[in-house]
Amino acid sequence: CDPAGIVFYPRYFEMINDAVEAMFADVLDWPFEDLHQTGAVPTASFQV
């Protein structure tokens, strides 16, 4: 939160990344700690 007591919008992007990381681990069975041994999955585009 920011001083106004609401979520500071960049924190949403951190939460989104947490959701993506969880999906890779839990749904695709390809956790980031394994994926990042040979590559990565950077974001190319965002619309919020």
All heavy atoms as atom14 arrays in JSON, in Angstrom:
{
  "sequence": "CDPAGIVFYPRYFEMINDAVEAMFADVLDWPFEDLHQTGAVPTASFQV",
  "atom14_mask": [
    [1, 1, 1, 1, 1, 1, 0, 0, 0, 0, 0, 0, 0, 0],
    [1, 1, 1, 1, 1, 1, 1, 1, 0, 0, 0, 0, 0, 0],
    [1, 1, 1, 1, 1, 1, 1, 0, 0, 0, 0, 0, 0, 0],
    [1, 1, 1, 1, 1, 0, 0, 0, 0, 0, 0, 0, 0, 0],
    [1, 1, 1, 1, 0, 0, 0, 0, 0, 0, 0, 0, 0, 0],
    [1, 1, 1, 1, 1, 1, 1, 1, 0, 0, 0, 0, 0, 0],
    [1, 1, 1, 1, 1, 1, 1, 0, 0, 0, 0, 0, 0, 0],
    [1, 1, 1, 1, 1, 1, 1, 1, 1, 1, 1, 0, 0, 0],
    [1, 1, 1, 1, 1, 1, 1, 1, 1, 1, 1, 1, 0, 0],
    [1, 1, 1, 1, 1, 1, 1, 0, 0, 0, 0, 0, 0, 0],
    [1, 1, 1, 1, 1, 1, 1, 1, 1, 1, 1, 0, 0, 0],
    [1, 1, 1, 1, 1, 1, 1, 1, 1, 1, 1, 1, 0, 0],
    [1, 1, 1, 1, 1, 1, 1, 1, 1, 1, 1, 0, 0, 0],
    [1, 1, 1, 1, 1, 1, 1, 1, 1, 0, 0, 0, 0, 0],
    [1, 1, 1, 1, 1, 1, 1, 1, 0, 0, 0, 0, 0, 0],
    [1, 1, 1, 1, 1, 1, 1, 1, 0, 0, 0, 0, 0, 0],
    [1, 1, 1, 1, 1, 1, 1, 1, 0, 0, 0, 0, 0, 0],
    [1, 1, 1, 1, 1, 1, 1, 1, 0, 0, 0, 0, 0, 0],
    [1, 1, 1, 1, 1, 0, 0, 0, 0, 0, 0, 0, 0, 0],
    [1, 1, 1, 1, 1, 1, 1, 0, 0, 0, 0, 0, 0, 0],
    [1, 1, 1, 1, 1, 1, 1, 1, 1, 0, 0, 0, 0, 0],
    [1, 1, 1, 1, 1, 0, 0, 0, 0, 0, 0, 0, 0, 0],
    [1, 1, 1, 1, 1, 1, 1, 1, 0, 0, 0, 0, 0, 0],
    [1, 1, 1, 1, 1, 1, 1, 1, 1, 1, 1, 0, 0, 0],
    [1, 1, 1, 1, 1, 0, 0, 0, 0, 0, 0, 0, 0, 0],
    [1, 1, 1, 1, 1, 1, 1, 1, 0, 0, 0, 0, 0, 0],
    [1, 1, 1, 1, 1, 1, 1, 0, 0, 0, 0, 0, 0, 0],
    [1, 1, 1, 1, 1, 1, 1, 1, 0, 0, 0, 0, 0, 0],
    [1, 1, 1, 1, 1, 1, 1, 1, 0, 0, 0, 0, 0, 0],
    [1, 1, 1, 1, 1, 1, 1, 1, 1, 1, 1, 1, 1, 1],
    [1, 1, 1, 1, 1, 1, 1, 0, 0, 0, 0, 0, 0, 0],
    [1, 1, 1, 1, 1, 1, 1, 1, 1, 1, 1, 0, 0, 0],
    [1, 1, 1, 1, 1, 1, 1, 1, 1, 0, 0, 0, 0, 0],
    [1, 1, 1, 1, 1, 1, 1, 1, 0, 0, 0, 0, 0, 0],
    [1, 1, 1, 1, 1, 1, 1, 1, 0, 0, 0, 0, 0, 0],
    [1, 1, 1, 1, 1, 1, 1, 1, 1, 1, 0, 0, 0, 0],
    [1, 1, 1, 1, 1, 1, 1, 1, 1, 0, 0, 0, 0, 0],
    [1, 1, 1, 1, 1, 1, 1, 0, 0, 0, 0, 0, 0, 0],
    [1, 1, 1, 1, 0, 0, 0, 0, 0, 0, 0, 0, 0, 0],
    [1, 1, 1, 1, 1, 0, 0, 0, 0, 0, 0, 0, 0, 0],
    [1, 1, 1, 1, 1, 1, 1, 0, 0, 0, 0, 0, 0, 0],
    [1, 1, 1, 1, 1, 1, 1, 0, 0, 0, 0, 0, 0, 0],
    [1, 1, 1, 1, 1, 1, 1, 0, 0, 0, 0, 0, 0, 0],
    [1, 1, 1, 1, 1, 0, 0, 0, 0, 0, 0, 0, 0, 0],
    [1, 1, 1, 1, 1, 1, 0, 0, 0, 0, 0, 0, 0, 0],
    [1, 1, 1, 1, 1, 1, 1, 1, 1, 1, 1, 0, 0, 0],
    [1, 1, 1, 1, 1, 1, 1, 1, 1, 0, 0, 0, 0, 0],
    [1, 1, 1, 1, 1, 1, 1, 0, 0, 0, 0, 0, 0, 0]
  ],
  "atom14_positions": [
    [[0.8, -1.22, 0.0], [0.0, 0.0, 0.0], [0.83, 1.27, 0.0], [1.93, 1.32, 0.55], [-0.93, 0.0, 1.21], [-2.1, -1.37, 1.19], [0.0, 0.0, 0.0], [0.0, 0.0, 0.0], [0.0, 0.0, 0.0], [0.0, 0.0, 0.0], [0.0, 0.0, 0.0], [0.0, 0.0, 0.0], [0.0, 0.0, 0.0], [0.0, 0.0, 0.0]],
    [[0.26, 2.31, -0.58], [0.86, 3.64, -0.55], [0.32, 4.4, 0.67], [-0.49, 3.85, 1.42], [0.59, 4.38, -1.86], [-0.89, 4.66, -2.12], [-1.71, 4.57, -1.19], [-1.22, 4.98, -3.28], [0.0, 0.0, 0.0], [0.0, 0.0, 0.0], [0.0, 0.0, 0.0], [0.0, 0.0, 0.0], [0.0, 0.0, 0.0], [0.0, 0.0, 0.0]],
    [[0.76, 5.63, 0.9], [0.29, 6.37, 2.08], [-1.23, 6.6, 2.13], [-1.78, 6.82, 3.2], [1.04, 7.7, 1.99], [2.3, 7.36, 1.25], [1.86, 6.33, 0.24], [0.0, 0.0, 0.0], [0.0, 0.0, 0.0], [0.0, 0.0, 0.0], [0.0, 0.0, 0.0], [0.0, 0.0, 0.0], [0.0, 0.0, 0.0], [0.0, 0.0, 0.0]],
    [[-1.9, 6.49, 0.99], [-3.36, 6.65, 0.97], [-4.07, 5.37, 1.41], [-5.28, 5.33, 1.53], [-3.84, 7.05, -0.42], [0.0, 0.0, 0.0], [0.0, 0.0, 0.0], [0.0, 0.0, 0.0], [0.0, 0.0, 0.0], [0.0, 0.0, 0.0], [0.0, 0.0, 0.0], [0.0, 0.0, 0.0], [0.0, 0.0, 0.0], [0.0, 0.0, 0.0]],
    [[-3.29, 4.27, 1.61], [-3.87, 3.02, 2.09], [-4.42, 2.12, 0.99], [-5.11, 1.16, 1.28], [0.0, 0.0, 0.0], [0.0, 0.0, 0.0], [0.0, 0.0, 0.0], [0.0, 0.0, 0.0], [0.0, 0.0, 0.0], [0.0, 0.0, 0.0], [0.0, 0.0, 0.0], [0.0, 0.0, 0.0], [0.0, 0.0, 0.0], [0.0, 0.0, 0.0]],
    [[-4.1, 2.45, -0.28], [-4.53, 1.59, -1.38], [-3.3, 0.97, -2.03], [-2.17, 1.44, -1.84], [-5.38, 2.34, -2.42], [-4.6, 3.48, -3.06], [-6.66, 2.85, -1.79], [-5.32, 4.18, -4.21], [0.0, 0.0, 0.0], [0.0, 0.0, 0.0], [0.0, 0.0, 0.0], [0.0, 0.0, 0.0], [0.0, 0.0, 0.0], [0.0, 0.0, 0.0]],
    [[-3.51, -0.09, -2.79], [-2.38, -0.77, -3.43], [-1.7, 0.19, -4.41], [-2.34, 0.82, -5.24], [-2.83, -2.05, -4.16], [-1.69, -2.62, -5.0], [-3.32, -3.09, -3.16], [0.0, 0.0, 0.0], [0.0, 0.0, 0.0], [0.0, 0.0, 0.0], [0.0, 0.0, 0.0], [0.0, 0.0, 0.0], [0.0, 0.0, 0.0], [0.0, 0.0, 0.0]],
    [[-0.38, 0.31, -4.25], [0.45, 1.06, -5.17], [0.57, 0.2, -6.42], [1.06, -0.93, -6.36], [1.81, 1.33, -4.51], [2.78, 2.13, -5.32], [2.38, 3.3, -5.96], [4.09, 1.73, -5.4], [3.29, 4.04, -6.7], [5.01, 2.48, -6.13], [4.61, 3.63, -6.78], [0.0, 0.0, 0.0], [0.0, 0.0, 0.0], [0.0, 0.0, 0.0]],
    [[0.11, 0.7, -7.56], [-0.11, -0.13, -8.75], [1.08, -1.01, -9.16], [0.86, -2.13, -9.64], [-0.61, 0.71, -9.93], [0.45, 1.57, -10.57], [1.2, 1.1, -11.64], [0.72, 2.85, -10.1], [2.18, 1.87, -12.22], [1.7, 3.62, -10.67], [2.43, 3.13, -11.72], [3.41, 3.9, -12.29], [0.0, 0.0, 0.0], [0.0, 0.0, 0.0]],
    [[2.37, -0.6, -8.99], [3.44, -1.54, -9.37], [3.41, -2.84, -8.56], [3.88, -3.87, -9.03], [4.73, -0.76, -9.09], [4.33, 0.67, -9.13], [2.92, 0.69, -8.6], [0.0, 0.0, 0.0], [0.0, 0.0, 0.0], [0.0, 0.0, 0.0], [0.0, 0.0, 0.0], [0.0, 0.0, 0.0], [0.0, 0.0, 0.0], [0.0, 0.0, 0.0]],
    [[2.82, -2.81, -7.37], [2.74, -4.03, -6.56], [1.83, -5.06, -7.22], [2.02, -6.26, -7.04], [2.25, -3.73, -5.14], [3.11, -2.77, -4.38], [4.51, -3.35, -4.14], [5.34, -2.34, -3.52], [6.42, -1.82, -4.08], [6.83, -2.22, -5.26], [7.12, -0.9, -3.46], [0.0, 0.0, 0.0], [0.0, 0.0, 0.0], [0.0, 0.0, 0.0]],
    [[0.84, -4.59, -8.01], [0.0, -5.54, -8.75], [0.85, -6.36, -9.72], [0.59, -7.54, -9.92], [-1.09, -4.81, -9.53], [-2.28, -4.37, -8.72], [-2.82, -3.1, -8.9], [-2.91, -5.22, -7.82], [-3.94, -2.69, -8.2], [-4.03, -4.81, -7.11], [-4.54, -3.54, -7.31], [-5.65, -3.14, -6.61], [0.0, 0.0, 0.0], [0.0, 0.0, 0.0]],
    [[1.85, -5.72, -10.34], [2.7, -6.45, -11.29], [3.5, -7.53, -10.57], [3.72, -8.6, -11.13], [3.6, -5.48, -12.05], [2.84, -4.62, -13.01], [2.37, -3.37, -12.62], [2.55, -5.05, -14.3], [1.65, -2.57, -13.49], [1.82, -4.27, -15.18], [1.37, -3.03, -14.77], [0.0, 0.0, 0.0], [0.0, 0.0, 0.0], [0.0, 0.0, 0.0]],
    [[3.91, -7.27, -9.34], [4.59, -8.3, -8.55], [3.63, -9.45, -8.25], [4.01, -10.63, -8.33], [5.12, -7.72, -7.24], [6.24, -6.72, -7.45], [6.62, -5.98, -6.18], [5.88, -6.03, -5.17], [7.68, -5.33, -6.2], [0.0, 0.0, 0.0], [0.0, 0.0, 0.0], [0.0, 0.0, 0.0], [0.0, 0.0, 0.0], [0.0, 0.0, 0.0]],
    [[2.39, -9.12, -7.91], [1.38, -10.16, -7.64], [1.1, -10.98, -8.9], [0.94, -12.21, -8.83], [0.09, -9.52, -7.13], [0.19, -8.88, -5.78], [-1.38, -8.08, -5.34], [-0.78, -6.77, -4.29], [0.0, 0.0, 0.0], [0.0, 0.0, 0.0], [0.0, 0.0, 0.0], [0.0, 0.0, 0.0], [0.0, 0.0, 0.0], [0.0, 0.0, 0.0]],
    [[1.01, -10.31, -10.05], [0.81, -11.02, -11.32], [1.96, -11.98, -11.55], [1.74, -13.14, -11.92], [0.65, -10.02, -12.49], [-0.69, -9.28, -12.38], [0.78, -10.74, -13.83], [-0.81, -8.08, -13.3], [0.0, 0.0, 0.0], [0.0, 0.0, 0.0], [0.0, 0.0, 0.0], [0.0, 0.0, 0.0], [0.0, 0.0, 0.0], [0.0, 0.0, 0.0]],
    [[3.18, -11.53, -11.33], [4.32, -12.42, -11.53], [4.26, -13.61, -10.58], [4.59, -14.74, -10.96], [5.64, -11.66, -11.36], [6.81, -12.48, -11.84], [6.98, -12.7, -13.02], [7.59, -12.99, -10.9], [0.0, 0.0, 0.0], [0.0, 0.0, 0.0], [0.0, 0.0, 0.0], [0.0, 0.0, 0.0], [0.0, 0.0, 0.0], [0.0, 0.0, 0.0]],
    [[3.82, -13.38, -9.34], [3.66, -14.49, -8.39], [2.63, -15.5, -8.92], [2.84, -16.72, -8.81], [3.21, -13.98, -7.02], [4.29, -13.2, -6.28], [5.47, -13.27, -6.68], [3.94, -12.5, -5.3], [0.0, 0.0, 0.0], [0.0, 0.0, 0.0], [0.0, 0.0, 0.0], [0.0, 0.0, 0.0], [0.0, 0.0, 0.0], [0.0, 0.0, 0.0]],
    [[1.54, -14.99, -9.51], [0.51, -15.88, -10.06], [1.05, -16.67, -11.25], [0.77, -17.87, -11.4], [-0.73, -15.08, -10.46], [0.0, 0.0, 0.0], [0.0, 0.0, 0.0], [0.0, 0.0, 0.0], [0.0, 0.0, 0.0], [0.0, 0.0, 0.0], [0.0, 0.0, 0.0], [0.0, 0.0, 0.0], [0.0, 0.0, 0.0], [0.0, 0.0, 0.0]],
    [[1.84, -16.02, -12.09], [2.44, -16.69, -13.24], [3.42, -17.76, -12.76], [3.4, -18.9, -13.24], [3.14, -15.69, -14.18], [3.99, -16.4, -15.24], [2.11, -14.78, -14.85], [0.0, 0.0, 0.0], [0.0, 0.0, 0.0], [0.0, 0.0, 0.0], [0.0, 0.0, 0.0], [0.0, 0.0, 0.0], [0.0, 0.0, 0.0], [0.0, 0.0, 0.0]],
    [[4.26, -17.41, -11.8], [5.23, -18.38, -11.28], [4.52, -19.59, -10.66], [4.93, -20.74, -10.87], [6.15, -17.71, -10.26], [7.27, -18.61, -9.8], [8.34, -17.9, -8.99], [8.36, -16.66, -8.91], [9.19, -18.63, -8.44], [0.0, 0.0, 0.0], [0.0, 0.0, 0.0], [0.0, 0.0, 0.0], [0.0, 0.0, 0.0], [0.0, 0.0, 0.0]],
    [[3.45, -19.34, -9.92], [2.68, -20.44, -9.32], [2.05, -21.32, -10.4], [2.04, -22.55, -10.29], [1.6, -19.89, -8.39], [0.0, 0.0, 0.0], [0.0, 0.0, 0.0], [0.0, 0.0, 0.0], [0.0, 0.0, 0.0], [0.0, 0.0, 0.0], [0.0, 0.0, 0.0], [0.0, 0.0, 0.0], [0.0, 0.0, 0.0], [0.0, 0.0, 0.0]],
    [[1.54, -20.71, -11.47], [0.95, -21.48, -12.56], [1.99, -22.37, -13.24], [1.73, -23.54, -13.51], [0.3, -20.54, -13.58], [-0.44, -21.23, -14.72], [0.53, -21.55, -16.23], [1.12, -19.95, -16.68], [0.0, 0.0, 0.0], [0.0, 0.0, 0.0], [0.0, 0.0, 0.0], [0.0, 0.0, 0.0], [0.0, 0.0, 0.0], [0.0, 0.0, 0.0]],
    [[3.17, -21.84, -13.48], [4.23, -22.65, -14.08], [4.57, -23.84, -13.2], [4.77, -24.95, -13.7], [5.47, -21.81, -14.38], [5.47, -21.22, -15.77], [4.78, -20.06, -16.04], [6.14, -21.85, -16.8], [4.76, -19.52, -17.31], [6.14, -21.34, -18.08], [5.44, -20.15, -18.34], [0.0, 0.0, 0.0], [0.0, 0.0, 0.0], [0.0, 0.0, 0.0]],
    [[4.64, -23.62, -11.89], [5.0, -24.72, -10.97], [3.85, -25.7, -10.78], [4.04, -26.91, -10.92], [5.42, -24.14, -9.62], [0.0, 0.0, 0.0], [0.0, 0.0, 0.0], [0.0, 0.0, 0.0], [0.0, 0.0, 0.0], [0.0, 0.0, 0.0], [0.0, 0.0, 0.0], [0.0, 0.0, 0.0], [0.0, 0.0, 0.0], [0.0, 0.0, 0.0]],
    [[2.67, -25.19, -10.5], [1.56, -26.05, -10.08], [0.77, -26.66, -11.23], [0.26, -27.78, -11.1], [0.6, -25.25, -9.19], [1.27, -24.72, -7.94], [2.34, -25.25, -7.54], [0.73, -23.75, -7.34], [0.0, 0.0, 0.0], [0.0, 0.0, 0.0], [0.0, 0.0, 0.0], [0.0, 0.0, 0.0], [0.0, 0.0, 0.0], [0.0, 0.0, 0.0]],
    [[0.63, -25.94, -12.33], [-0.19, -26.42, -13.44], [0.67, -27.05, -14.54], [0.35, -28.13, -15.04], [-1.06, -25.27, -14.02], [-1.82, -25.73, -15.25], [-2.01, -24.73, -12.96], [0.0, 0.0, 0.0], [0.0, 0.0, 0.0], [0.0, 0.0, 0.0], [0.0, 0.0, 0.0], [0.0, 0.0, 0.0], [0.0, 0.0, 0.0], [0.0, 0.0, 0.0]],
    [[1.77, -26.39, -14.89], [2.61, -26.89, -15.97], [3.73, -27.79, -15.47], [4.43, -28.41, -16.27], [3.2, -25.72, -16.77], [2.18, -24.8, -17.46], [2.89, -23.68, -18.19], [1.29, -25.59, -18.4], [0.0, 0.0, 0.0], [0.0, 0.0, 0.0], [0.0, 0.0, 0.0], [0.0, 0.0, 0.0], [0.0, 0.0, 0.0], [0.0, 0.0, 0.0]],
    [[3.92, -27.87, -14.17], [4.96, -28.7, -13.56], [6.34, -28.34, -14.12], [7.17, -29.2, -14.41], [4.65, -30.19, -13.76], [5.49, -31.07, -12.83], [5.84, -30.6, -11.73], [5.78, -32.21, -13.22], [0.0, 0.0, 0.0], [0.0, 0.0, 0.0], [0.0, 0.0, 0.0], [0.0, 0.0, 0.0], [0.0, 0.0, 0.0], [0.0, 0.0, 0.0]],
    [[6.56, -27.02, -14.28], [7.83, -26.49, -14.78], [8.19, -25.27, -13.94], [8.06, -24.14, -14.39], [7.71, -26.14, -16.26], [9.01, -25.93, -16.99], [10.24, -26.41, -16.66], [9.18, -25.19, -18.2], [11.17, -26.02, -17.59], [10.54, -25.28, -18.55], [8.32, -24.48, -19.02], [11.05, -24.65, -19.69], [8.84, -23.87, -20.15], [10.19, -23.96, -20.49]],
    [[8.6, -25.49, -12.68], [8.87, -24.36, -11.79], [10.0, -23.47, -12.31], [10.91, -23.95, -13.0], [9.24, -25.02, -10.47], [9.58, -26.42, -10.79], [8.88, -26.77, -12.07], [0.0, 0.0, 0.0], [0.0, 0.0, 0.0], [0.0, 0.0, 0.0], [0.0, 0.0, 0.0], [0.0, 0.0, 0.0], [0.0, 0.0, 0.0], [0.0, 0.0, 0.0]],
    [[9.93, -22.2, -11.97], [10.92, -21.25, -12.44], [12.35, -21.67, -12.1], [13.26, -21.43, -12.88], [10.64, -19.86, -11.87], [9.64, -19.05, -12.67], [8.84, -19.61, -13.65], [9.5, -17.7, -12.41], [7.93, -18.85, -14.37], [8.6, -16.93, -13.12], [7.82, -17.49, -14.11], [0.0, 0.0, 0.0], [0.0, 0.0, 0.0], [0.0, 0.0, 0.0]],
    [[12.55, -22.31, -10.94], [13.91, -22.71, -10.59], [14.47, -23.75, -11.58], [15.68, -23.83, -11.78], [14.02, -23.2, -9.15], [13.13, -24.35, -8.8], [11.78, -23.95, -8.22], [11.31, -22.81, -8.45], [11.18, -24.8, -7.54], [0.0, 0.0, 0.0], [0.0, 0.0, 0.0], [0.0, 0.0, 0.0], [0.0, 0.0, 0.0], [0.0, 0.0, 0.0]],
    [[13.6, -24.51, -12.23], [14.03, -25.43, -13.28], [14.09, -24.72, -14.63], [15.07, -24.85, -15.37], [13.08, -26.63, -13.38], [13.1, -27.51, -12.16], [14.08, -27.43, -11.37], [12.15, -28.29, -11.97], [0.0, 0.0, 0.0], [0.0, 0.0, 0.0], [0.0, 0.0, 0.0], [0.0, 0.0, 0.0], [0.0, 0.0, 0.0], [0.0, 0.0, 0.0]],
    [[13.06, -23.98, -14.94], [12.98, -23.26, -16.21], [14.19, -22.36, -16.39], [14.78, -22.31, -17.47], [11.69, -22.44, -16.22], [11.27, -21.68, -17.46], [9.79, -21.4, -17.39], [12.01, -20.39, -17.62], [0.0, 0.0, 0.0], [0.0, 0.0, 0.0], [0.0, 0.0, 0.0], [0.0, 0.0, 0.0], [0.0, 0.0, 0.0], [0.0, 0.0, 0.0]],
    [[14.6, -21.65, -15.33], [15.69, -20.68, -15.44], [17.06, -21.32, -15.55], [18.06, -20.61, -15.72], [15.63, -19.69, -14.28], [14.51, -18.73, -14.4], [13.9, -18.16, -13.32], [13.84, -18.24, -15.49], [12.92, -17.37, -13.72], [12.87, -17.41, -15.03], [0.0, 0.0, 0.0], [0.0, 0.0, 0.0], [0.0, 0.0, 0.0], [0.0, 0.0, 0.0]],
    [[17.13, -22.64, -15.52], [18.4, -23.33, -15.76], [18.79, -23.26, -17.24], [19.98, -23.29, -17.57], [18.32, -24.8, -15.32], [18.07, -25.0, -13.85], [19.2, -24.48, -12.99], [20.37, -24.72, -13.28], [18.85, -23.78, -11.94], [0.0, 0.0, 0.0], [0.0, 0.0, 0.0], [0.0, 0.0, 0.0], [0.0, 0.0, 0.0], [0.0, 0.0, 0.0]],
    [[17.79, -23.16, -18.11], [18.06, -23.19, -19.55], [17.47, -22.0, -20.31], [17.69, -21.88, -21.52], [17.48, -24.47, -20.17], [16.08, -24.53, -19.91], [18.17, -25.7, -19.61], [0.0, 0.0, 0.0], [0.0, 0.0, 0.0], [0.0, 0.0, 0.0], [0.0, 0.0, 0.0], [0.0, 0.0, 0.0], [0.0, 0.0, 0.0], [0.0, 0.0, 0.0]],
    [[16.72, -21.15, -19.65], [16.1, -20.03, -20.35], [15.26, -19.2, -19.4], [15.52, -19.15, -18.19], [0.0, 0.0, 0.0], [0.0, 0.0, 0.0], [0.0, 0.0, 0.0], [0.0, 0.0, 0.0], [0.0, 0.0, 0.0], [0.0, 0.0, 0.0], [0.0, 0.0, 0.0], [0.0, 0.0, 0.0], [0.0, 0.0, 0.0], [0.0, 0.0, 0.0]],
    [[14.23, -18.57, -19.95], [13.36, -17.7, -19.15], [12.07, -17.45, -19.93], [11.93, -17.88, -21.08], [14.06, -16.37, -18.84], [0.0, 0.0, 0.0], [0.0, 0.0, 0.0], [0.0, 0.0, 0.0], [0.0, 0.0, 0.0], [0.0, 0.0, 0.0], [0.0, 0.0, 0.0], [0.0, 0.0, 0.0], [0.0, 0.0, 0.0], [0.0, 0.0, 0.0]],
    [[11.14, -16.74, -19.28], [9.87, -16.38, -19.92], [9.55, -14.9, -19.62], [8.63, -14.59, -18.89], [8.71, -17.3, -19.48], [8.84, -18.67, -20.1], [8.6, -17.41, -17.97], [0.0, 0.0, 0.0], [0.0, 0.0, 0.0], [0.0, 0.0, 0.0], [0.0, 0.0, 0.0], [0.0, 0.0, 0.0], [0.0, 0.0, 0.0], [0.0, 0.0, 0.0]],
    [[10.32, -13.99, -20.22], [10.06, -12.57, -19.96], [8.73, -12.12, -20.58], [8.2, -12.74, -21.5], [11.24, -11.87, -20.63], [11.67, -12.8, -21.7], [11.43, -14.19, -21.14], [0.0, 0.0, 0.0], [0.0, 0.0, 0.0], [0.0, 0.0, 0.0], [0.0, 0.0, 0.0], [0.0, 0.0, 0.0], [0.0, 0.0, 0.0], [0.0, 0.0, 0.0]],
    [[8.23, -11.02, -20.04], [7.0, -10.42, -20.55], [7.32, -9.57, -21.77], [8.2, -8.71, -21.71], [6.34, -9.57, -19.45], [5.99, -10.43, -18.37], [5.11, -8.86, -19.97], [0.0, 0.0, 0.0], [0.0, 0.0, 0.0], [0.0, 0.0, 0.0], [0.0, 0.0, 0.0], [0.0, 0.0, 0.0], [0.0, 0.0, 0.0], [0.0, 0.0, 0.0]],
    [[6.58, -9.78, -22.85], [6.74, -8.99, -24.06], [5.69, -7.9, -24.16], [5.9, -6.88, -24.81], [6.67, -9.89, -25.29], [0.0, 0.0, 0.0], [0.0, 0.0, 0.0], [0.0, 0.0, 0.0], [0.0, 0.0, 0.0], [0.0, 0.0, 0.0], [0.0, 0.0, 0.0], [0.0, 0.0, 0.0], [0.0, 0.0, 0.0], [0.0, 0.0, 0.0]],
    [[4.55, -8.12, -23.51], [3.44, -7.17, -23.61], [2.57, -7.25, -22.37], [2.36, -8.34, -21.82], [2.61, -7.51, -24.85], [1.45, -6.72, -24.93], [0.0, 0.0, 0.0], [0.0, 0.0, 0.0], [0.0, 0.0, 0.0], [0.0, 0.0, 0.0], [0.0, 0.0, 0.0], [0.0, 0.0, 0.0], [0.0, 0.0, 0.0], [0.0, 0.0, 0.0]],
    [[2.07, -6.08, -21.95], [1.15, -5.98, -20.82], [0.08, -4.95, -21.14], [0.4, -3.87, -21.64], [1.87, -5.47, -19.57], [1.97, -6.44, -18.43], [3.19, -6.67, -17.84], [0.87, -7.08, -17.93], [3.32, -7.54, -16.78], [0.97, -7.96, -16.87], [2.21, -8.19, -16.29], [0.0, 0.0, 0.0], [0.0, 0.0, 0.0], [0.0, 0.0, 0.0]],
    [[-1.15, -5.27, -20.85], [-2.26, -4.32, -20.91], [-3.06, -4.53, -19.64], [-3.51, -5.65, -19.38], [-3.15, -4.57, -22.14], [-4.44, -3.78, -22.15], [-4.23, -2.29, -22.27], [-3.39, -1.84, -23.03], [-4.99, -1.53, -21.52], [0.0, 0.0, 0.0], [0.0, 0.0, 0.0], [0.0, 0.0, 0.0], [0.0, 0.0, 0.0], [0.0, 0.0, 0.0]],
    [[-3.2, -3.49, -18.83], [-3.93, -3.62, -17.57], [-5.01, -2.56, -17.49], [-4.76, -1.38, -17.76], [-2.98, -3.48, -16.35], [-3.76, -3.65, -15.05], [-1.84, -4.47, -16.42], [0.0, 0.0, 0.0], [0.0, 0.0, 0.0], [0.0, 0.0, 0.0], [0.0, 0.0, 0.0], [0.0, 0.0, 0.0], [0.0, 0.0, 0.0], [0.0, 0.0, 0.0]]
  ]
}
